[in-house]
């Protein structure tokens, strides 16, 4: 007898005391445990905030039971959400080897349709369906007091055990063809989904450490980037100040946009004073735009500001006379 078999039960009802599905899965669990099967139960209504991560629990299962109750229409939102998560995030290769037994009890109408929905969904996922149970139970006492019903449930549990143990094969279903067509869709996860689906997401210490490391790296790279730009900017400002030739009575504000720089180069000339830095200026007499390569040509003395403008390597907006003065107050 196999002793390391693992079967998971996923219950999609609301957990009501008089839910007949609870009685059925309880009986099946008793039989499976008597057969030395390890059984783990997941109540989806209790895990509704973590259903997205539940497909990970399939990784060590040989078989599963999908159990739900039709209270008014369909298999219910919790079970549908779990199946959606299996489709989006589940390991399809692992699912292809997992047997599934559907259990659907109805207190109104639609138990057969519900059972068919679970079977079809599992086949589209690529899994292997087992013979399940469905029935209309208006009062749970009708099952609890009926030995024939109980025997039927126990036999279903034994059949499931036998199917999983012997790995009984079934003929291909058309649902598998549907899976091949629709599974081509690419699934893009949001950062929140990726974190929730991580196998380490349940380890709070690990998650916290990862977040701290990310913040530290972000800060480090930000400092490196800003530091590089600051160092480069200081070199430009230093050269401009070294070659500044003040013109008496001249006042002007220049704003230069350099490609690749986040901030503009602002030069405020007031007689013999020069205020030069990377920042913002509400008003500028002349606005310039150029590549860093062009500015290097000017700073090295191989080109003048006016020549850069005339050749089209520098764009200008403002007073042309004030532009020409640039080559008089900065001599390279």
Protein backbone atom coordinates (compact mmCIF):
# COMPACT_ATOMS: atom_id res chain seq x y z
CA UNK A 1 0.00 0.00 0.00
CA UNK A 2 1.29 3.46 -0.91
CA UNK A 3 1.88 5.51 2.24
CA UNK A 4 3.28 8.75 0.82
CA UNK A 5 0.27 9.80 -1.22
CA UNK A 6 -0.84 13.42 -0.76
CA UNK A 7 -4.33 14.71 -1.54
CA UNK A 8 -5.44 18.31 -1.08
CA UNK A 9 -9.04 19.34 -0.53
CA UNK A 10 -10.09 22.81 -1.74
CA UNK A 11 -13.46 23.81 -0.33
CA UNK A 12 -15.15 26.71 -2.13
CA UNK A 13 -18.31 27.07 -0.07
CA UNK A 14 -19.07 29.61 2.65
CA UNK A 15 -18.44 27.30 5.59
CA UNK A 16 -22.05 27.21 6.80
CA UNK A 17 -22.84 24.59 9.43
CA UNK A 18 -25.63 23.03 7.37
CA UNK A 19 -23.59 22.89 4.15
CA UNK A 20 -23.91 19.28 2.89
CA UNK A 21 -20.60 19.59 1.03
CA UNK A 22 -18.76 19.81 4.36
CA UNK A 23 -20.23 16.48 5.45
CA UNK A 24 -19.21 14.81 2.17
CA UNK A 25 -15.60 16.00 2.20
CA UNK A 26 -15.38 15.14 5.90
CA UNK A 27 -16.35 11.53 5.17
CA UNK A 28 -13.96 11.32 2.22
CA UNK A 29 -11.13 12.68 4.33
CA UNK A 30 -11.79 10.01 6.99
CA UNK A 31 -11.61 7.20 4.42
CA UNK A 32 -8.45 8.56 2.78
CA UNK A 33 -6.69 8.96 6.12
CA UNK A 34 -7.61 5.37 7.00
CA UNK A 35 -5.82 4.41 3.79
CA UNK A 36 -2.75 6.27 5.12
CA UNK A 37 -3.11 9.16 2.71
CA UNK A 38 -1.87 12.54 3.85
CA UNK A 39 -4.80 14.93 3.46
CA UNK A 40 -4.57 18.73 3.65
CA UNK A 41 -7.65 20.91 3.52
CA UNK A 42 -7.88 24.50 2.30
CA UNK A 43 -11.01 26.51 3.08
CA UNK A 44 -11.04 29.18 0.39
CA UNK A 45 -13.39 31.46 2.33
CA UNK A 46 -10.73 31.69 5.05
CA UNK A 47 -7.92 32.22 2.54
CA UNK A 48 -9.71 34.65 0.23
CA UNK A 49 -6.93 37.24 0.47
CA UNK A 50 -4.29 34.68 -0.50
CA UNK A 51 -6.05 32.61 -3.17
CA UNK A 52 -3.64 33.97 -5.77
CA UNK A 53 -0.77 32.11 -4.11
CA UNK A 54 -2.67 28.83 -3.50
CA UNK A 55 -1.60 27.14 -6.78
CA UNK A 56 1.80 26.72 -5.12
CA UNK A 57 0.18 24.24 -2.74
CA UNK A 58 -0.34 21.88 -5.70
CA UNK A 59 3.36 21.17 -6.06
CA UNK A 60 3.42 18.21 -3.64
CA UNK A 61 -0.09 16.86 -4.33
CA UNK A 62 -0.83 13.60 -6.15
CA UNK A 63 -4.53 14.34 -6.27
CA UNK A 64 -6.99 17.01 -5.23
CA UNK A 65 -10.66 17.33 -4.38
CA UNK A 66 -12.46 20.44 -5.60
CA UNK A 67 -15.58 20.78 -3.46
CA UNK A 68 -18.20 23.49 -3.62
CA UNK A 69 -21.88 24.14 -3.01
CA UNK A 70 -24.42 25.55 -5.45
CA UNK A 71 -26.55 27.87 -3.32
CA UNK A 72 -28.19 29.77 -6.14
CA UNK A 73 -26.15 29.56 -9.35
CA UNK A 74 -22.76 28.18 -10.37
CA UNK A 75 -19.72 26.97 -8.48
CA UNK A 76 -19.26 30.19 -6.51
CA UNK A 77 -16.72 33.00 -6.60
CA UNK A 78 -14.07 31.49 -4.32
CA UNK A 79 -13.72 28.34 -6.42
CA UNK A 80 -13.75 30.31 -9.66
CA UNK A 81 -11.02 32.59 -8.31
CA UNK A 82 -8.91 29.58 -7.33
CA UNK A 83 -9.27 28.07 -10.81
CA UNK A 84 -8.39 31.43 -12.38
CA UNK A 85 -5.23 31.52 -10.26
CA UNK A 86 -4.33 27.98 -11.35
CA UNK A 87 -4.64 29.08 -14.96
CA UNK A 88 -2.66 32.29 -14.52
CA UNK A 89 0.01 31.22 -12.06
CA UNK A 90 -0.10 27.44 -11.69
CA UNK A 91 2.63 25.06 -12.84
CA UNK A 92 0.93 23.46 -15.86
CA UNK A 93 3.49 20.66 -16.02
CA UNK A 94 2.76 19.72 -12.41
CA UNK A 95 -1.00 20.06 -12.87
CA UNK A 96 -0.86 17.64 -15.82
CA UNK A 97 0.00 14.84 -13.36
CA UNK A 98 -2.61 15.67 -10.71
CA UNK A 99 -5.93 13.80 -10.46
CA UNK A 100 -8.99 15.85 -9.49
CA UNK A 101 -12.23 14.60 -7.95
CA UNK A 102 -15.12 17.11 -8.17
CA UNK A 103 -17.70 17.29 -5.40
CA UNK A 104 -20.72 19.55 -5.88
CA UNK A 105 -23.72 19.56 -3.56
CA UNK A 106 -26.70 21.75 -4.37
CA UNK A 107 -29.34 23.21 -2.09
CA UNK A 108 -31.25 24.66 -5.03
CA UNK A 109 -30.43 23.53 -8.59
CA UNK A 110 -27.40 23.01 -10.83
CA UNK A 111 -25.23 20.37 -9.15
CA UNK A 112 -24.64 18.49 -12.41
CA UNK A 113 -23.67 21.65 -14.26
CA UNK A 114 -21.34 22.57 -11.38
CA UNK A 115 -19.62 19.20 -11.48
CA UNK A 116 -19.24 19.46 -15.23
CA UNK A 117 -17.75 22.96 -14.85
CA UNK A 118 -15.08 21.72 -12.44
CA UNK A 119 -14.22 18.74 -14.63
CA UNK A 120 -14.01 20.86 -17.79
CA UNK A 121 -11.91 23.51 -16.06
CA UNK A 122 -9.43 20.93 -14.77
CA UNK A 123 -9.15 19.31 -18.19
CA UNK A 124 -8.46 22.68 -19.81
CA UNK A 125 -5.74 23.22 -17.21
CA UNK A 126 -4.28 19.94 -18.41
CA UNK A 127 -5.10 17.91 -15.30
CA UNK A 128 -6.61 14.43 -14.95
CA UNK A 129 -10.25 14.18 -13.82
CA UNK A 130 -11.65 11.44 -11.57
CA UNK A 131 -15.23 10.33 -11.12
CA UNK A 132 -16.86 12.75 -8.70
CA UNK A 133 -20.00 13.25 -6.65
CA UNK A 134 -22.93 15.58 -7.17
CA UNK A 135 -26.37 15.69 -5.62
CA UNK A 136 -29.28 17.80 -4.49
CA UNK A 137 -29.43 17.92 -0.70
CA UNK A 138 -32.08 20.22 0.76
CA UNK A 139 -31.15 19.26 4.34
CA UNK A 140 -27.80 17.88 5.45
CA UNK A 141 -29.56 15.50 7.86
CA UNK A 142 -30.82 13.58 4.83
CA UNK A 143 -27.23 12.52 4.15
CA UNK A 144 -26.04 12.09 7.72
CA UNK A 145 -28.85 9.61 8.53
CA UNK A 146 -28.68 7.64 5.30
CA UNK A 147 -26.24 4.71 5.41
CA UNK A 148 -26.54 4.10 1.68
CA UNK A 149 -25.47 7.64 0.91
CA UNK A 150 -22.56 7.34 3.33
CA UNK A 151 -21.48 4.07 1.71
CA UNK A 152 -21.62 5.73 -1.69
CA UNK A 153 -19.37 8.57 -0.49
CA UNK A 154 -16.90 6.12 1.04
CA UNK A 155 -16.78 4.13 -2.20
CA UNK A 156 -16.01 7.31 -4.13
CA UNK A 157 -13.10 8.02 -1.79
CA UNK A 158 -11.79 4.48 -2.29
CA UNK A 159 -12.14 4.83 -6.07
CA UNK A 160 -10.18 8.06 -6.00
CA UNK A 161 -7.45 6.42 -3.97
CA UNK A 162 -7.31 3.55 -6.44
CA UNK A 163 -7.21 5.89 -9.43
CA UNK A 164 -4.36 7.97 -8.03
CA UNK A 165 -2.47 4.95 -6.72
CA UNK A 166 -2.63 3.06 -10.00
CA UNK A 167 -2.34 6.21 -12.15
CA UNK A 168 -5.28 5.12 -14.27
CA UNK A 169 -5.28 6.78 -17.68
CA UNK A 170 -8.26 8.27 -19.47
CA UNK A 171 -8.98 8.98 -23.12
CA UNK A 172 -8.03 12.45 -24.46
CA UNK A 173 -10.70 15.15 -24.17
CA UNK A 174 -11.44 18.00 -26.57
CA UNK A 175 -10.82 20.40 -23.68
CA UNK A 176 -7.12 19.70 -24.02
CA UNK A 177 -7.21 21.13 -27.54
CA UNK A 178 -8.80 24.29 -26.13
CA UNK A 179 -5.95 24.57 -23.65
CA UNK A 180 -3.37 24.43 -26.44
CA UNK A 181 -5.05 27.33 -28.20
CA UNK A 182 -5.71 29.68 -25.30
CA UNK A 183 -2.52 28.95 -23.34
CA UNK A 184 -0.52 30.94 -25.90
CA UNK A 185 -1.64 34.12 -24.17
CA UNK A 186 1.24 35.80 -22.38
CA UNK A 187 0.65 36.51 -18.72
CA UNK A 188 2.26 39.71 -17.42
CA UNK A 189 2.44 39.90 -13.65
CA UNK A 190 2.32 43.10 -11.68
CA UNK A 191 5.04 43.64 -9.07
CA UNK A 192 2.46 43.00 -6.34
CA UNK A 193 1.44 39.67 -7.91
CA UNK A 194 5.05 38.65 -8.38
CA UNK A 195 5.77 39.32 -4.72
CA UNK A 196 2.63 37.52 -3.58
CA UNK A 197 3.44 34.48 -5.71
CA UNK A 198 7.02 34.28 -4.49
CA UNK A 199 7.79 31.08 -2.59
CA UNK A 200 9.39 33.29 0.07
CA UNK A 201 6.40 35.64 0.42
CA UNK A 202 5.28 33.90 3.61
CA UNK A 203 8.67 34.53 5.23
CA UNK A 204 8.27 38.02 6.68
CA UNK A 205 11.95 38.31 7.66
CA UNK A 206 13.09 37.35 4.17
CA UNK A 207 10.69 39.79 2.49
CA UNK A 208 11.71 42.62 4.83
CA UNK A 209 15.41 41.92 4.21
CA UNK A 210 14.84 41.91 0.45
CA UNK A 211 13.03 45.25 0.63
CA UNK A 212 15.86 46.76 2.69
CA UNK A 213 18.45 45.49 0.21
CA UNK A 214 16.49 46.95 -2.71
CA UNK A 215 16.21 50.31 -0.97
CA UNK A 216 19.93 50.30 -0.21
CA UNK A 217 20.84 49.44 -3.81
CA UNK A 218 18.43 52.06 -5.13
CA UNK A 219 19.97 54.68 -2.89
CA UNK A 220 23.47 53.59 -3.90
CA UNK A 221 22.81 53.81 -7.62
CA UNK A 222 20.98 57.09 -7.21
CA UNK A 223 23.97 58.53 -5.37
CA UNK A 224 26.32 57.18 -8.03
CA UNK A 225 24.26 58.71 -10.83
CA UNK A 226 23.78 62.03 -9.10
CA UNK A 227 27.39 62.06 -8.03
CA UNK A 228 28.58 61.55 -11.58
CA UNK A 229 26.36 64.31 -12.86
CA UNK A 230 27.38 66.63 -10.03
CA UNK A 231 31.07 66.03 -10.68
CA UNK A 232 30.60 66.61 -14.39
CA UNK A 233 28.56 69.75 -13.72
CA UNK A 234 31.19 71.17 -11.38
CA UNK A 235 33.80 70.75 -14.09
CA UNK A 236 31.70 72.79 -16.54
CA UNK A 237 31.01 75.53 -13.98
CA UNK A 238 34.69 75.71 -13.04
CA UNK A 239 35.79 76.19 -16.66
CA UNK A 240 33.21 78.92 -17.21
CA UNK A 241 34.31 80.80 -14.10
CA UNK A 242 37.98 80.50 -15.05
CA UNK A 243 37.39 82.03 -18.49
CA UNK A 244 34.90 84.70 -17.43
CA UNK A 245 35.81 88.22 -18.65
CA UNK A 246 33.39 90.71 -17.07
CA UNK A 247 31.93 93.53 -19.18
CA UNK A 248 31.11 96.74 -17.27
CA UNK A 249 27.42 97.56 -17.20
CA UNK A 250 26.37 94.22 -18.72
CA UNK A 251 23.50 92.28 -17.16
CA UNK A 252 21.99 89.07 -18.56
CA UNK A 253 20.66 85.65 -17.67
CA UNK A 254 21.48 82.63 -19.87
CA UNK A 255 19.78 79.27 -19.60
CA UNK A 256 21.39 76.35 -21.45
CA UNK A 257 19.66 73.00 -21.90
CA UNK A 258 22.31 70.31 -22.42
CA UNK A 259 21.20 66.99 -23.86
CA UNK A 260 21.52 64.24 -21.24
CA UNK A 261 21.43 66.65 -18.30
CA UNK A 262 18.39 66.68 -16.04
CA UNK A 263 18.93 70.31 -15.01
CA UNK A 264 19.69 73.38 -17.07
CA UNK A 265 22.92 75.36 -16.85
CA UNK A 266 22.00 78.85 -15.61
CA UNK A 267 24.47 81.73 -15.92
CA UNK A 268 23.57 85.05 -14.31
CA UNK A 269 25.91 87.89 -15.25
CA UNK A 270 25.79 91.12 -13.24
CA UNK A 271 28.64 93.47 -14.15
CA UNK A 272 31.70 91.74 -12.78
CA UNK A 273 29.80 89.00 -10.94
CA UNK A 274 29.00 85.57 -12.36
CA UNK A 275 26.54 83.20 -10.74
CA UNK A 276 26.81 79.89 -12.58
CA UNK A 277 25.14 76.63 -11.56
CA UNK A 278 22.83 73.81 -12.65
CA UNK A 279 19.27 74.54 -11.60
CA UNK A 280 16.25 76.55 -12.65
CA UNK A 281 15.62 80.17 -13.58
CA UNK A 282 12.19 81.75 -13.90
CA UNK A 283 13.47 84.31 -16.39
CA UNK A 284 16.20 84.07 -19.03
CA UNK A 285 17.22 86.65 -21.63
CA UNK A 286 18.62 83.92 -23.84
CA UNK A 287 17.68 80.22 -23.92
CA UNK A 288 20.11 77.81 -25.57
CA UNK A 289 19.94 74.14 -26.41
CA UNK A 290 22.92 72.01 -27.47
CA UNK A 291 24.57 68.61 -27.27
CA UNK A 292 27.21 68.01 -24.63
CA UNK A 293 29.68 67.44 -27.45
CA UNK A 294 29.04 70.96 -28.77
CA UNK A 295 29.52 72.50 -25.34
CA UNK A 296 32.84 70.66 -24.97
CA UNK A 297 33.95 72.13 -28.30
CA UNK A 298 33.17 75.61 -27.00
CA UNK A 299 34.83 75.08 -23.62
CA UNK A 300 37.97 73.77 -25.31
CA UNK A 301 38.20 76.82 -27.58
CA UNK A 302 37.63 74.91 -30.81
CA UNK A 303 34.28 76.66 -31.42
CA UNK A 304 32.49 79.84 -30.34
CA UNK A 305 28.89 80.16 -29.21
CA UNK A 306 28.00 82.25 -32.28
CA UNK A 307 29.61 79.75 -34.64
CA UNK A 308 27.75 76.88 -32.97
CA UNK A 309 24.51 78.80 -33.54
CA UNK A 310 25.32 79.64 -37.17
CA UNK A 311 26.23 76.01 -37.94
CA UNK A 312 22.96 74.75 -36.44
CA UNK A 313 24.62 72.79 -33.65
CA UNK A 314 23.06 75.09 -31.07
CA UNK A 315 19.50 76.36 -30.95
CA UNK A 316 18.75 79.78 -29.54
CA UNK A 317 15.76 81.75 -28.34
CA UNK A 318 15.95 85.35 -27.14
CA UNK A 319 17.97 88.50 -27.83
CA UNK A 320 20.63 87.89 -30.49
CA UNK A 321 22.81 90.79 -29.25
CA UNK A 322 22.98 89.22 -25.81
CA UNK A 323 23.91 85.91 -27.44
CA UNK A 324 26.86 87.53 -29.25
CA UNK A 325 28.07 88.92 -25.96
CA UNK A 326 28.66 85.36 -24.73
CA UNK A 327 31.83 85.13 -26.80
CA UNK A 328 33.03 88.41 -25.24
CA UNK A 329 32.47 87.51 -21.60
CA UNK A 330 33.74 83.93 -22.01
CA UNK A 331 37.04 83.75 -23.80
CA UNK A 332 38.46 80.25 -24.29
